[in-house]
Full PDB file with SEQRES, HELIX, SHEET, SSBOND, CRYST1, ORIGX, SCALE, CONECT and MASTER records, all heavy atoms in Angstrom:
SEQRES   1 A   41  PRO LEU ARG LYS SER ALA ALA ALA ALA ARG ALA MET LEU          
SEQRES   2 A   41  VAL GLN ALA ALA ALA LYS ARG TRP LYS VAL ASP ALA SER          
SEQRES   3 A   41  THR CYS THR ALA ALA ASP SER GLU VAL ALA HIS ALA PRO          
SEQRES   4 A   41  SER ASN                                                      
HELIX    1 AA1 LEU A    2  TRP A   21  1                                  20    
HELIX    2 AA2 ALA A   25  THR A   27  5                                   3    
SHEET    1 AA1 2 THR A  29  ALA A  31  0                                        
SHEET    2 AA1 2 GLU A  34  ALA A  36 -1                                        
CRYST1    1.000    1.000    1.000  90.00  90.00  90.00 P 1           1          
ORIGX1      1.000000  0.000000  0.000000        0.00000                         
ORIGX2      0.000000  1.000000  0.000000        0.00000                         
ORIGX3      0.000000  0.000000  1.000000        0.00000                         
SCALE1      1.000000  0.000000  0.000000        0.00000                         
SCALE2      0.000000  1.000000  0.000000        0.00000                         
SCALE3      0.000000  0.000000  1.000000        0.00000                         
ATOM      1  N   PRO A   1      18.394   3.704 -87.946  1.00  0.00           N  
ATOM      2  CA  PRO A   1      19.437   3.685 -86.971  1.00  0.00           C  
ATOM      3  C   PRO A   1      19.634   5.043 -86.213  1.00  0.00           C  
ATOM      4  O   PRO A   1      19.835   5.102 -84.992  1.00  0.00           O  
ATOM      5  CB  PRO A   1      20.720   3.415 -87.816  1.00  0.00           C  
ATOM      6  CG  PRO A   1      20.220   2.641 -88.891  1.00  0.00           C  
ATOM      7  CD  PRO A   1      18.883   3.264 -89.295  1.00  0.00           C  
ATOM      8  N   LEU A   2      19.564   6.173 -86.871  1.00  0.00           N  
ATOM      9  CA  LEU A   2      19.727   7.354 -86.242  1.00  0.00           C  
ATOM     10  C   LEU A   2      18.456   7.808 -85.426  1.00  0.00           C  
ATOM     11  O   LEU A   2      18.592   8.523 -84.474  1.00  0.00           O  
ATOM     12  CB  LEU A   2      20.026   8.502 -87.281  1.00  0.00           C  
ATOM     13  CG  LEU A   2      21.476   8.562 -87.802  1.00  0.00           C  
ATOM     14  CD1 LEU A   2      21.746   9.648 -88.686  1.00  0.00           C  
ATOM     15  CD2 LEU A   2      22.441   8.672 -86.636  1.00  0.00           C  
ATOM     16  N   ARG A   3      17.261   7.427 -85.847  1.00  0.00           N  
ATOM     17  CA  ARG A   3      16.088   7.606 -85.065  1.00  0.00           C  
ATOM     18  C   ARG A   3      16.244   6.919 -83.758  1.00  0.00           C  
ATOM     19  O   ARG A   3      15.947   7.447 -82.648  1.00  0.00           O  
ATOM     20  CB  ARG A   3      14.832   7.188 -85.790  1.00  0.00           C  
ATOM     21  CG  ARG A   3      14.395   8.059 -86.980  1.00  0.00           C  
ATOM     22  CD  ARG A   3      13.011   7.644 -87.434  1.00  0.00           C  
ATOM     23  NE  ARG A   3      11.996   7.995 -86.428  1.00  0.00           N  
ATOM     24  CZ  ARG A   3      10.762   7.613 -86.531  1.00  0.00           C  
ATOM     25  NH1 ARG A   3      10.337   6.764 -87.535  1.00  0.00           N  
ATOM     26  NH2 ARG A   3       9.854   7.801 -85.598  1.00  0.00           N  
ATOM     27  N   LYS A   4      16.690   5.617 -83.720  1.00  0.00           N  
ATOM     28  CA  LYS A   4      16.848   4.877 -82.563  1.00  0.00           C  
ATOM     29  C   LYS A   4      17.925   5.499 -81.679  1.00  0.00           C  
ATOM     30  O   LYS A   4      17.841   5.610 -80.382  1.00  0.00           O  
ATOM     31  CB  LYS A   4      17.205   3.451 -82.848  1.00  0.00           C  
ATOM     32  CG  LYS A   4      16.047   2.707 -83.384  1.00  0.00           C  
ATOM     33  CD  LYS A   4      16.385   1.178 -83.684  1.00  0.00           C  
ATOM     34  CE  LYS A   4      15.209   0.446 -84.117  1.00  0.00           C  
ATOM     35  NZ  LYS A   4      15.595  -0.997 -84.462  1.00  0.00           N  
ATOM     36  N   SER A   5      18.986   6.027 -82.296  1.00  0.00           N  
ATOM     37  CA  SER A   5      20.101   6.637 -81.594  1.00  0.00           C  
ATOM     38  C   SER A   5      19.582   7.858 -80.805  1.00  0.00           C  
ATOM     39  O   SER A   5      19.814   8.079 -79.653  1.00  0.00           O  
ATOM     40  CB  SER A   5      21.185   7.017 -82.562  1.00  0.00           C  
ATOM     41  OG  SER A   5      22.176   7.806 -81.945  1.00  0.00           O  
ATOM     42  N   ALA A   6      18.913   8.746 -81.600  1.00  0.00           N  
ATOM     43  CA  ALA A   6      18.400   9.955 -80.974  1.00  0.00           C  
ATOM     44  C   ALA A   6      17.269   9.737 -79.924  1.00  0.00           C  
ATOM     45  O   ALA A   6      17.242  10.395 -78.847  1.00  0.00           O  
ATOM     46  CB  ALA A   6      17.849  10.894 -82.053  1.00  0.00           C  
ATOM     47  N   ALA A   7      16.466   8.720 -80.174  1.00  0.00           N  
ATOM     48  CA  ALA A   7      15.428   8.394 -79.187  1.00  0.00           C  
ATOM     49  C   ALA A   7      16.088   7.940 -77.876  1.00  0.00           C  
ATOM     50  O   ALA A   7      15.571   8.247 -76.773  1.00  0.00           O  
ATOM     51  CB  ALA A   7      14.482   7.289 -79.787  1.00  0.00           C  
ATOM     52  N   ALA A   8      17.101   7.118 -78.037  1.00  0.00           N  
ATOM     53  CA  ALA A   8      17.830   6.626 -76.778  1.00  0.00           C  
ATOM     54  C   ALA A   8      18.444   7.817 -76.051  1.00  0.00           C  
ATOM     55  O   ALA A   8      18.385   7.935 -74.830  1.00  0.00           O  
ATOM     56  CB  ALA A   8      18.861   5.646 -77.214  1.00  0.00           C  
ATOM     57  N   ALA A   9      18.993   8.765 -76.831  1.00  0.00           N  
ATOM     58  CA  ALA A   9      19.635   9.914 -76.220  1.00  0.00           C  
ATOM     59  C   ALA A   9      18.561  10.723 -75.431  1.00  0.00           C  
ATOM     60  O   ALA A   9      18.737  11.219 -74.340  1.00  0.00           O  
ATOM     61  CB  ALA A   9      20.289  10.777 -77.188  1.00  0.00           C  
ATOM     62  N   ARG A  10      17.383  10.984 -76.141  1.00  0.00           N  
ATOM     63  CA  ARG A  10      16.302  11.729 -75.495  1.00  0.00           C  
ATOM     64  C   ARG A  10      15.845  11.049 -74.207  1.00  0.00           C  
ATOM     65  O   ARG A  10      15.611  11.732 -73.212  1.00  0.00           O  
ATOM     66  CB  ARG A  10      15.272  11.879 -76.493  1.00  0.00           C  
ATOM     67  CG  ARG A  10      13.991  12.725 -75.937  1.00  0.00           C  
ATOM     68  CD  ARG A  10      12.804  12.698 -76.872  1.00  0.00           C  
ATOM     69  NE  ARG A  10      12.237  11.391 -76.979  1.00  0.00           N  
ATOM     70  CZ  ARG A  10      11.941  10.741 -78.127  1.00  0.00           C  
ATOM     71  NH1 ARG A  10      12.224  11.277 -79.313  1.00  0.00           N  
ATOM     72  NH2 ARG A  10      11.409   9.569 -78.090  1.00  0.00           N  
ATOM     73  N   ALA A  11      15.739   9.794 -74.300  1.00  0.00           N  
ATOM     74  CA  ALA A  11      15.199   9.001 -73.099  1.00  0.00           C  
ATOM     75  C   ALA A  11      16.243   9.139 -71.954  1.00  0.00           C  
ATOM     76  O   ALA A  11      15.876   9.318 -70.811  1.00  0.00           O  
ATOM     77  CB  ALA A  11      14.983   7.540 -73.453  1.00  0.00           C  
ATOM     78  N   MET A  12      17.545   9.119 -72.213  1.00  0.00           N  
ATOM     79  CA  MET A  12      18.476   9.298 -71.091  1.00  0.00           C  
ATOM     80  C   MET A  12      18.510  10.714 -70.579  1.00  0.00           C  
ATOM     81  O   MET A  12      18.636  10.817 -69.312  1.00  0.00           O  
ATOM     82  CB  MET A  12      19.857   8.965 -71.690  1.00  0.00           C  
ATOM     83  CG  MET A  12      20.118   7.497 -71.967  1.00  0.00           C  
ATOM     84  SD  MET A  12      21.819   7.073 -72.527  1.00  0.00           S  
ATOM     85  CE  MET A  12      21.526   7.207 -74.335  1.00  0.00           C  
ATOM     86  N   LEU A  13      18.297  11.666 -71.425  1.00  0.00           N  
ATOM     87  CA  LEU A  13      18.237  13.073 -70.861  1.00  0.00           C  
ATOM     88  C   LEU A  13      17.070  13.226 -70.030  1.00  0.00           C  
ATOM     89  O   LEU A  13      17.074  13.953 -69.021  1.00  0.00           O  
ATOM     90  CB  LEU A  13      18.247  14.015 -72.097  1.00  0.00           C  
ATOM     91  CG  LEU A  13      19.580  14.028 -72.852  1.00  0.00           C  
ATOM     92  CD1 LEU A  13      19.425  14.740 -74.223  1.00  0.00           C  
ATOM     93  CD2 LEU A  13      20.612  14.855 -72.078  1.00  0.00           C  
ATOM     94  N   VAL A  14      15.953  12.658 -70.575  1.00  0.00           N  
ATOM     95  CA  VAL A  14      14.596  12.811 -69.663  1.00  0.00           C  
ATOM     96  C   VAL A  14      14.851  12.072 -68.373  1.00  0.00           C  
ATOM     97  O   VAL A  14      14.486  12.616 -67.228  1.00  0.00           O  
ATOM     98  CB  VAL A  14      13.487  12.154 -70.460  1.00  0.00           C  
ATOM     99  CG1 VAL A  14      12.263  12.077 -69.577  1.00  0.00           C  
ATOM    100  CG2 VAL A  14      13.135  13.056 -71.657  1.00  0.00           C  
ATOM    101  N   GLN A  15      15.428  10.920 -68.365  1.00  0.00           N  
ATOM    102  CA  GLN A  15      15.664  10.207 -67.105  1.00  0.00           C  
ATOM    103  C   GLN A  15      16.572  10.904 -66.239  1.00  0.00           C  
ATOM    104  O   GLN A  15      16.367  10.949 -65.002  1.00  0.00           O  
ATOM    105  CB  GLN A  15      16.185   8.749 -67.500  1.00  0.00           C  
ATOM    106  CG  GLN A  15      16.400   7.825 -66.278  1.00  0.00           C  
ATOM    107  CD  GLN A  15      15.155   7.543 -65.591  1.00  0.00           C  
ATOM    108  OE1 GLN A  15      14.092   7.266 -66.217  1.00  0.00           O  
ATOM    109  NE2 GLN A  15      15.088   7.459 -64.280  1.00  0.00           N  
ATOM    110  N   ALA A  16      17.537  11.571 -66.747  1.00  0.00           N  
ATOM    111  CA  ALA A  16      18.556  12.322 -65.950  1.00  0.00           C  
ATOM    112  C   ALA A  16      17.810  13.487 -65.296  1.00  0.00           C  
ATOM    113  O   ALA A  16      18.056  13.736 -64.063  1.00  0.00           O  
ATOM    114  CB  ALA A  16      19.628  12.817 -66.889  1.00  0.00           C  
ATOM    115  N   ALA A  17      16.991  14.185 -65.971  1.00  0.00           N  
ATOM    116  CA  ALA A  17      16.231  15.295 -65.372  1.00  0.00           C  
ATOM    117  C   ALA A  17      15.284  14.776 -64.282  1.00  0.00           C  
ATOM    118  O   ALA A  17      15.193  15.322 -63.255  1.00  0.00           O  
ATOM    119  CB  ALA A  17      15.500  16.047 -66.483  1.00  0.00           C  
ATOM    120  N   ALA A  18      14.563  13.670 -64.657  1.00  0.00           N  
ATOM    121  CA  ALA A  18      13.630  13.124 -63.660  1.00  0.00           C  
ATOM    122  C   ALA A  18      14.319  12.638 -62.361  1.00  0.00           C  
ATOM    123  O   ALA A  18      13.794  12.927 -61.295  1.00  0.00           O  
ATOM    124  CB  ALA A  18      12.898  11.953 -64.320  1.00  0.00           C  
ATOM    125  N   LYS A  19      15.465  12.140 -62.476  1.00  0.00           N  
ATOM    126  CA  LYS A  19      16.286  11.668 -61.352  1.00  0.00           C  
ATOM    127  C   LYS A  19      16.675  12.884 -60.447  1.00  0.00           C  
ATOM    128  O   LYS A  19      16.587  12.784 -59.258  1.00  0.00           O  
ATOM    129  CB  LYS A  19      17.461  10.861 -61.847  1.00  0.00           C  
ATOM    130  CG  LYS A  19      18.150  10.177 -60.729  1.00  0.00           C  
ATOM    131  CD  LYS A  19      19.153   9.284 -61.233  1.00  0.00           C  
ATOM    132  CE  LYS A  19      19.935   8.399 -60.189  1.00  0.00           C  
ATOM    133  NZ  LYS A  19      20.940   7.461 -60.693  1.00  0.00           N  
ATOM    134  N   ARG A  20      17.029  13.923 -61.115  1.00  0.00           N  
ATOM    135  CA  ARG A  20      17.468  15.124 -60.453  1.00  0.00           C  
ATOM    136  C   ARG A  20      16.321  15.782 -59.608  1.00  0.00           C  
ATOM    137  O   ARG A  20      16.459  16.246 -58.534  1.00  0.00           O  
ATOM    138  CB  ARG A  20      18.113  16.193 -61.348  1.00  0.00           C  
ATOM    139  CG  ARG A  20      18.674  17.371 -60.649  1.00  0.00           C  
ATOM    140  CD  ARG A  20      19.197  18.476 -61.552  1.00  0.00           C  
ATOM    141  NE  ARG A  20      20.323  18.054 -62.369  1.00  0.00           N  
ATOM    142  CZ  ARG A  20      21.130  18.870 -63.050  1.00  0.00           C  
ATOM    143  NH1 ARG A  20      20.786  20.143 -63.070  1.00  0.00           N  
ATOM    144  NH2 ARG A  20      22.104  18.397 -63.777  1.00  0.00           N  
ATOM    145  N   TRP A  21      15.137  15.773 -60.320  1.00  0.00           N  
ATOM    146  CA  TRP A  21      13.944  16.368 -59.719  1.00  0.00           C  
ATOM    147  C   TRP A  21      13.255  15.396 -58.779  1.00  0.00           C  
ATOM    148  O   TRP A  21      12.262  15.785 -58.072  1.00  0.00           O  
ATOM    149  CB  TRP A  21      12.954  16.777 -60.828  1.00  0.00           C  
ATOM    150  CG  TRP A  21      13.531  17.972 -61.600  1.00  0.00           C  
ATOM    151  CD1 TRP A  21      14.263  18.977 -61.222  1.00  0.00           C  
ATOM    152  CD2 TRP A  21      13.145  18.233 -63.045  1.00  0.00           C  
ATOM    153  NE1 TRP A  21      14.485  19.814 -62.286  1.00  0.00           N  
ATOM    154  CE2 TRP A  21      13.801  19.360 -63.330  1.00  0.00           C  
ATOM    155  CE3 TRP A  21      12.472  17.517 -63.967  1.00  0.00           C  
ATOM    156  CZ2 TRP A  21      13.834  19.906 -64.646  1.00  0.00           C  
ATOM    157  CZ3 TRP A  21      12.320  18.012 -65.262  1.00  0.00           C  
ATOM    158  CH2 TRP A  21      13.069  19.173 -65.565  1.00  0.00           C  
ATOM    159  N   LYS A  22      13.676  14.187 -58.856  1.00  0.00           N  
ATOM    160  CA  LYS A  22      12.994  13.095 -57.952  1.00  0.00           C  
ATOM    161  C   LYS A  22      11.570  12.895 -58.386  1.00  0.00           C  
ATOM    162  O   LYS A  22      10.650  12.950 -57.559  1.00  0.00           O  
ATOM    163  CB  LYS A  22      13.189  13.423 -56.464  1.00  0.00           C  
ATOM    164  CG  LYS A  22      14.649  13.365 -56.030  1.00  0.00           C  
ATOM    165  CD  LYS A  22      14.727  13.607 -54.521  1.00  0.00           C  
ATOM    166  CE  LYS A  22      16.155  13.433 -53.990  1.00  0.00           C  
ATOM    167  NZ  LYS A  22      17.133  14.240 -54.748  1.00  0.00           N  
ATOM    168  N   VAL A  23      11.277  12.805 -59.619  1.00  0.00           N  
ATOM    169  CA  VAL A  23       9.966  12.623 -60.151  1.00  0.00           C  
ATOM    170  C   VAL A  23       9.986  11.477 -61.142  1.00  0.00           C  
ATOM    171  O   VAL A  23      11.060  11.011 -61.560  1.00  0.00           O  
ATOM    172  CB  VAL A  23       9.430  13.840 -60.856  1.00  0.00           C  
ATOM    173  CG1 VAL A  23       9.349  15.062 -59.935  1.00  0.00           C  
ATOM    174  CG2 VAL A  23      10.204  14.179 -62.109  1.00  0.00           C  
ATOM    175  N   ASP A  24       8.814  10.879 -61.497  1.00  0.00           N  
ATOM    176  CA  ASP A  24       8.821   9.835 -62.375  1.00  0.00           C  
ATOM    177  C   ASP A  24       9.071  10.425 -63.855  1.00  0.00           C  
ATOM    178  O   ASP A  24       8.503  11.455 -64.213  1.00  0.00           O  
ATOM    179  CB  ASP A  24       7.340   9.185 -62.400  1.00  0.00           C  
ATOM    180  CG  ASP A  24       7.346   7.831 -63.185  1.00  0.00           C  
ATOM    181  OD1 ASP A  24       7.385   7.972 -64.394  1.00  0.00           O  
ATOM    182  OD2 ASP A  24       7.223   6.810 -62.486  1.00  0.00           O  
ATOM    183  N   ALA A  25       9.815   9.670 -64.615  1.00  0.00           N  
ATOM    184  CA  ALA A  25      10.148  10.134 -65.919  1.00  0.00           C  
ATOM    185  C   ALA A  25       8.995  10.230 -66.870  1.00  0.00           C  
ATOM    186  O   ALA A  25       9.004  11.038 -67.752  1.00  0.00           O  
ATOM    187  CB  ALA A  25      11.207   9.159 -66.597  1.00  0.00           C  
ATOM    188  N   SER A  26       7.901   9.488 -66.634  1.00  0.00           N  
ATOM    189  CA  SER A  26       6.758   9.544 -67.395  1.00  0.00           C  
ATOM    190  C   SER A  26       6.014  10.872 -67.296  1.00  0.00           C  
ATOM    191  O   SER A  26       5.214  11.283 -68.124  1.00  0.00           O  
ATOM    192  CB  SER A  26       5.748   8.454 -67.079  1.00  0.00           C  
ATOM    193  OG  SER A  26       5.313   8.596 -65.769  1.00  0.00           O  
ATOM    194  N   THR A  27       6.377  11.734 -66.276  1.00  0.00           N  
ATOM    195  CA  THR A  27       5.787  12.998 -66.068  1.00  0.00           C  
ATOM    196  C   THR A  27       6.591  14.051 -66.718  1.00  0.00           C  
ATOM    197  O   THR A  27       6.209  15.256 -66.623  1.00  0.00           O  
ATOM    198  CB  THR A  27       5.563  13.289 -64.593  1.00  0.00           C  
ATOM    199  OG1 THR A  27       6.917  13.406 -63.930  1.00  0.00           O  
ATOM    200  CG2 THR A  27       4.794  12.180 -63.885  1.00  0.00           C  
ATOM    201  N   CYS A  28       7.689  13.765 -67.388  1.00  0.00           N  
ATOM    202  CA  CYS A  28       8.595  14.681 -68.021  1.00  0.00           C  
ATOM    203  C   CYS A  28       8.477  14.640 -69.506  1.00  0.00           C  
ATOM    204  O   CYS A  28       8.177  13.589 -70.060  1.00  0.00           O  
ATOM    205  CB  CYS A  28      10.024  14.477 -67.630  1.00  0.00           C  
ATOM    206  SG  CYS A  28      10.319  14.570 -65.824  1.00  0.00           S  
ATOM    207  N   THR A  29       8.716  15.681 -70.260  1.00  0.00           N  
ATOM    208  CA  THR A  29       8.641  15.777 -71.691  1.00  0.00           C  
ATOM    209  C   THR A  29       9.890  16.509 -72.149  1.00  0.00           C  
ATOM    210  O   THR A  29      10.461  17.264 -71.473  1.00  0.00           O  
ATOM    211  CB  THR A  29       7.428  16.438 -72.088  1.00  0.00           C  
ATOM    212  OG1 THR A  29       7.337  17.815 -71.545  1.00  0.00           O  
ATOM    213  CG2 THR A  29       6.149  15.734 -71.819  1.00  0.00           C  
ATOM    214  N   ALA A  30      10.218  16.156 -73.465  1.00  0.00           N  
ATOM    215  CA  ALA A  30      11.322  16.874 -74.095  1.00  0.00           C  
ATOM    216  C   ALA A  30      10.899  17.677 -75.388  1.00  0.00           C  
ATOM    217  O   ALA A  30      10.042  17.208 -76.080  1.00  0.00           O  
ATOM    218  CB  ALA A  30      12.420  15.875 -74.504  1.00  0.00           C  
ATOM    219  N   ALA A  31      11.465  18.802 -75.466  1.00  0.00           N  
ATOM    220  CA  ALA A  31      11.165  19.719 -76.605  1.00  0.00           C  
ATOM    221  C   ALA A  31      12.170  20.808 -76.711  1.00  0.00           C  
ATOM    222  O   ALA A  31      12.555  21.403 -75.689  1.00  0.00           O  
ATOM    223  CB  ALA A  31       9.783  20.282 -76.598  1.00  0.00           C  
ATOM    224  N   ASP A  32      12.600  21.170 -77.914  1.00  0.00           N  
ATOM    225  CA  ASP A  32      13.474  22.307 -78.143  1.00  0.00           C  
ATOM    226  C   ASP A  32      14.671  22.293 -77.227  1.00  0.00           C  
ATOM    227  O   ASP A  32      15.051  23.273 -76.621  1.00  0.00           O  
ATOM    228  CB  ASP A  32      12.742  23.645 -77.931  1.00  0.00           C  
ATOM    229  CG  ASP A  32      11.544  23.869 -78.916  1.00  0.00           C  
ATOM    230  OD1 ASP A  32      11.745  23.456 -80.095  1.00  0.00           O  
ATOM    231  OD2 ASP A  32      10.512  24.491 -78.643  1.00  0.00           O  
ATOM    232  N   SER A  33      15.259  21.087 -77.151  1.00  0.00           N  
ATOM    233  CA  SER A  33      16.506  20.894 -76.444  1.00  0.00           C  
ATOM    234  C   SER A  33      16.410  21.151 -74.989  1.00  0.00           C  
ATOM    235  O   SER A  33      17.373  21.538 -74.223  1.00  0.00           O  
ATOM    236  CB  SER A  33      17.682  21.806 -76.979  1.00  0.00           C  
ATOM    237  OG  SER A  33      18.015  21.448 -78.283  1.00  0.00           O  
ATOM    238  N   GLU A  34      15.182  20.901 -74.443  1.00  0.00           N  
ATOM    239  CA  GLU A  34      14.898  21.026 -72.993  1.00  0.00           C  
ATOM    240  C   GLU A  34      14.087  19.899 -72.509  1.00  0.00           C  
ATOM    241  O   GLU A  34      13.325  19.326 -73.184  1.00  0.00           O  
ATOM    242  CB  GLU A  34      14.151  22.422 -72.644  1.00  0.00           C  
ATOM    243  CG  GLU A  34      15.025  23.617 -72.802  1.00  0.00           C  
ATOM    244  CD  GLU A  34      14.224  24.825 -72.443  1.00  0.00           C  
ATOM    245  OE1 GLU A  34      12.979  24.821 -72.625  1.00  0.00           O  
ATOM    246  OE2 GLU A  34      14.860  25.822 -71.991  1.00  0.00           O  
ATOM    247  N   VAL A  35      14.267  19.501 -71.245  1.00  0.00           N  
ATOM    248  CA  VAL A  35      13.389  18.537 -70.595  1.00  0.00           C  
ATOM    249  C   VAL A  35      12.522  19.342 -69.596  1.00  0.00           C  
ATOM    250  O   VAL A  35      13.061  20.193 -68.812  1.00  0.00           O  
ATOM    251  CB  VAL A  35      14.132  17.483 -69.869  1.00  0.00           C  
ATOM    252  CG1 VAL A  35      13.168  16.533 -69.094  1.00  0.00           C  
ATOM    253  CG2 VAL A  35      15.037  16.729 -70.806  1.00  0.00           C  
ATOM    254  N   ALA A  36      11.245  19.226 -69.636  1.00  0.00           N  
ATOM    255  CA  ALA A  36      10.321  19.962 -68.722  1.00  0.00           C  
ATOM    256  C   ALA A  36       9.495  18.995 -67.949  1.00  0.00           C  
ATOM    257  O   ALA A  36       9.226  17.835 -68.263  1.00  0.00           O  
ATOM    258  CB  ALA A  36       9.357  20.783 -69.649  1.00  0.00           C  
ATOM    259  N   HIS A  37       9.121  19.497 -66.744  1.00  0.00           N  
ATOM    260  CA  HIS A  37       8.269  18.797 -65.814  1.00  0.00           C  
ATOM    261  C   HIS A  37       7.097  19.761 -65.541  1.00  0.00           C  
ATOM    262  O   HIS A  37       7.208  20.673 -64.679  1.00  0.00           O  
ATOM    263  CB  HIS A  37       8.969  18.430 -64.425  1.00  0.00           C  
ATOM    264  CG  HIS A  37       8.092  17.666 -63.526  1.00  0.00           C  
ATOM    265  ND1 HIS A  37       7.721  18.218 -62.256  1.00  0.00           N  
ATOM    266  CD2 HIS A  37       7.505  16.470 -63.632  1.00  0.00           C  
ATOM    267  CE1 HIS A  37       6.979  17.259 -61.683  1.00  0.00           C  
ATOM    268  NE2 HIS A  37       6.868  16.275 -62.427  1.00  0.00           N  
ATOM    269  N   ALA A  38       5.979  19.589 -66.251  1.00  0.00           N  
ATOM    270  CA  ALA A  38       4.891  20.581 -66.195  1.00  0.00           C  
ATOM    271  C   ALA A  38       4.236  20.714 -64.807  1.00  0.00           C  
ATOM    272  O   ALA A  38       3.891  21.776 -64.394  1.00  0.00           O  
ATOM    273  CB  ALA A  38       3.844  20.067 -67.233  1.00  0.00           C  
ATOM    274  N   PRO A  39       4.087  19.613 -64.028  1.00  0.00           N  
ATOM    275  CA  PRO A  39       3.443  19.749 -62.757  1.00  0.00           C  
ATOM    276  C   PRO A  39       4.138  20.738 -61.795  1.00  0.00           C  
ATOM    277  O   PRO A  39       3.530  21.365 -61.004  1.00  0.00           O  
ATOM    278  CB  PRO A  39       3.442  18.269 -62.153  1.00  0.00           C  
ATOM    279  CG  PRO A  39       3.477  17.488 -63.361  1.00  0.00           C  
ATOM    280  CD  PRO A  39       4.284  18.146 -64.350  1.00  0.00           C  
ATOM    281  N   SER A  40       5.455  20.754 -61.889  1.00  0.00           N  
ATOM    282  CA  SER A  40       6.316  21.712 -61.046  1.00  0.00           C  
ATOM    283  C   SER A  40       6.786  22.903 -61.770  1.00  0.00           C  
ATOM    284  O   SER A  40       7.514  23.703 -61.258  1.00  0.00           O  
ATOM    285  CB  SER A  40       7.452  20.944 -60.367  1.00  0.00           C  
ATOM    286  OG  SER A  40       8.337  20.446 -61.396  1.00  0.00           O  
ATOM    287  N   ASN A  41       6.480  22.964 -63.138  1.00  0.00           N  
ATOM    288  CA  ASN A  41       6.916  24.077 -63.967  1.00  0.00           C  
ATOM    289  C   ASN A  41       8.431  24.281 -63.962  1.00  0.00           C  
ATOM    290  O   ASN A  41       8.979  25.352 -63.818  1.00  0.00           O  
ATOM    291  CB  ASN A  41       6.253  25.411 -63.466  1.00  0.00           C  
ATOM    292  CG  ASN A  41       6.380  26.456 -64.546  1.00  0.00           C  
ATOM    293  OD1 ASN A  41       6.375  26.236 -65.741  1.00  0.00           O  
ATOM    294  ND2 ASN A  41       6.368  27.769 -64.058  1.00  0.00           N  
TER     295      ASN A  41                                                      
MASTER        0    0    0    2    2    0    0    6  294    1    0    4          
END                                                                             
């Protein structure tokens, strides 16, 4: 249950960042409480 909860939260945070940057969410990654978009650094 908590893995699914956290995975959903991570996905929402990634989607939120991708939407702000206007990029595809599949090009974003999460680590150490940050969402990163490597192509644009």
